[in-house]
């Protein structure tokens, strides 16, 4: 089994910053990608950013404002969010795409709420 534990969400004013963290633990054979998704009320879950051995990928809506990074030794992925806007308000989910006990699949964190409001 693989567990993902997220932290760092909260309430922030427009223009502010937050940093999310997600640490993976458990029986992990290999990690193909780690990333962050978000889901706002009434909307579908969308990919915000991910990081693989080939590099990073961002949604157009967050390019230039969000930065994803990873500490391989700690199996941890971070999302630095700057210049936050009210439309960034959502539940943010950590994702790991990798193998555990030779089974390749997606794993999800429990989600952390980010609210951008004055």
Protein backbone atom coordinates (compact mmCIF):
# COMPACT_ATOMS: atom_id res chain seq x y z
CA UNK A 1 0.00 0.00 0.00
CA UNK A 2 1.00 3.60 -0.65
CA UNK A 3 -0.09 6.51 1.50
CA UNK A 4 0.08 10.19 0.59
CA UNK A 5 -0.11 12.80 3.34
CA UNK A 6 -0.64 16.43 2.38
CA UNK A 7 -0.15 19.59 4.39
CA UNK A 8 0.02 23.34 3.94
CA UNK A 9 -3.46 24.39 2.89
CA UNK A 10 -5.39 27.22 4.48
CA UNK A 11 -6.86 30.67 4.05
CA UNK A 12 -4.84 33.37 2.31
CA UNK A 13 -5.60 36.81 0.91
CA UNK A 14 -5.43 37.51 -2.82
CA UNK A 15 -1.85 38.06 -3.87
CA UNK A 16 -0.55 35.91 -1.04
CA UNK A 17 1.41 32.67 -1.03
CA UNK A 18 1.07 29.14 0.28
CA UNK A 19 3.26 26.07 0.03
CA UNK A 20 1.76 22.60 -0.11
CA UNK A 21 3.69 19.46 0.77
CA UNK A 22 2.93 15.82 0.10
CA UNK A 23 4.93 12.89 1.40
CA UNK A 24 4.53 9.37 0.07
CA UNK A 25 5.16 6.32 2.23
CA UNK A 26 4.58 2.61 2.09
CA UNK A 27 5.63 -0.12 -0.29
CA UNK A 28 6.77 1.90 -3.30
CA UNK A 29 8.67 0.13 -6.07
CA UNK A 30 9.03 3.10 -8.39
CA UNK A 31 7.58 6.55 -9.01
CA UNK A 32 6.84 7.66 -12.59
CA UNK A 33 5.34 11.03 -11.67
CA UNK A 34 4.12 13.11 -8.75
CA UNK A 35 1.80 16.01 -9.09
CA UNK A 36 -1.02 18.18 -7.86
CA UNK A 37 -4.63 18.37 -8.97
CA UNK A 38 -7.40 20.61 -7.72
CA UNK A 39 -11.17 20.51 -7.66
CA UNK A 40 -13.34 23.56 -7.15
CA UNK A 41 -17.03 23.27 -6.19
CA UNK A 42 -19.10 22.21 -9.18
CA UNK A 43 -16.05 21.60 -11.35
CA UNK A 44 -14.07 18.58 -12.44
CA UNK A 45 -10.72 17.70 -10.93
CA UNK A 46 -7.94 19.24 -13.03
CA UNK A 47 -4.19 18.76 -13.26
CA UNK A 48 -2.27 21.76 -11.95
CA UNK A 49 1.31 20.60 -12.14
CA UNK A 50 3.33 17.43 -12.28
CA UNK A 51 6.96 16.42 -12.24
CA UNK A 52 8.59 13.46 -13.90
CA UNK A 53 12.10 12.41 -14.80
CA UNK A 54 11.58 14.42 -17.99
CA UNK A 55 10.73 17.66 -16.27
CA UNK A 56 7.75 19.68 -15.09
CA UNK A 57 4.37 20.46 -16.57
CA UNK A 58 1.92 23.19 -15.58
CA UNK A 59 -1.64 24.12 -16.40
CA UNK A 60 -1.88 27.41 -18.27
CA UNK A 61 -3.89 28.91 -15.42
CA UNK A 62 -0.98 28.62 -12.97
CA UNK A 63 2.10 29.06 -15.18
CA UNK A 64 4.41 31.71 -13.78
CA UNK A 65 2.69 31.67 -10.38
CA UNK A 66 3.05 28.07 -9.11
CA UNK A 67 6.25 26.04 -8.84
CA UNK A 68 6.39 22.29 -8.33
CA UNK A 69 9.46 20.61 -6.89
CA UNK A 70 10.37 17.23 -5.50
CA UNK A 71 12.74 15.79 -2.90
CA UNK A 72 13.40 12.28 -4.15
CA UNK A 73 15.17 11.20 -0.97
CA UNK A 74 12.06 12.04 1.05
CA UNK A 75 9.47 10.97 -1.56
CA UNK A 76 8.01 14.43 -1.11
CA UNK A 77 6.54 16.82 -3.65
CA UNK A 78 5.95 20.51 -3.02
CA UNK A 79 3.77 23.13 -4.64
CA UNK A 80 4.79 26.74 -4.07
CA UNK A 81 1.80 28.93 -4.89
CA UNK A 82 2.41 32.67 -5.33
CA UNK A 83 0.20 35.54 -6.49
CA UNK A 84 -2.85 33.57 -5.46
CA UNK A 85 -6.23 34.53 -6.90
CA UNK A 86 -9.76 33.84 -5.64
CA UNK A 87 -10.21 31.45 -8.57
CA UNK A 88 -7.43 29.29 -7.11
CA UNK A 89 -9.81 28.35 -4.30
CA UNK A 90 -10.26 24.57 -4.38
CA UNK A 91 -9.40 21.31 -2.70
CA UNK A 92 -5.88 20.37 -3.77
CA UNK A 93 -4.99 16.71 -4.17
CA UNK A 94 -1.57 15.14 -4.32
CA UNK A 95 -1.08 12.41 -6.92
CA UNK A 96 1.53 9.71 -7.34
CA UNK A 97 1.72 7.55 -10.44
CA UNK A 98 3.91 4.60 -9.73
CA UNK A 99 4.14 0.97 -8.82
CA UNK A 100 3.59 -0.84 -5.55
CA UNK A 101 3.99 -4.60 -5.35
CA UNK A 102 4.43 -4.60 -9.15
CA UNK A 103 1.10 -2.90 -9.78
CA UNK A 104 1.25 0.42 -11.66
CA UNK A 105 -1.52 2.82 -10.75
CA UNK A 106 -2.50 6.26 -9.47
CA UNK A 107 -2.50 7.03 -5.76
CA UNK A 108 -4.24 10.03 -4.18
CA UNK A 109 -3.94 12.08 -1.04
CA UNK A 110 -6.92 13.03 1.06
CA UNK A 111 -6.98 16.61 -0.20
CA UNK A 112 -6.23 19.93 1.45
CA UNK A 113 -8.42 23.03 1.22
CA UNK A 114 -6.98 26.24 -0.19
CA UNK A 115 -9.17 29.32 0.13
CA UNK A 116 -8.16 32.65 -1.39
CA UNK A 117 -10.33 35.43 -0.04
CA UNK A 118 -10.11 38.88 1.47
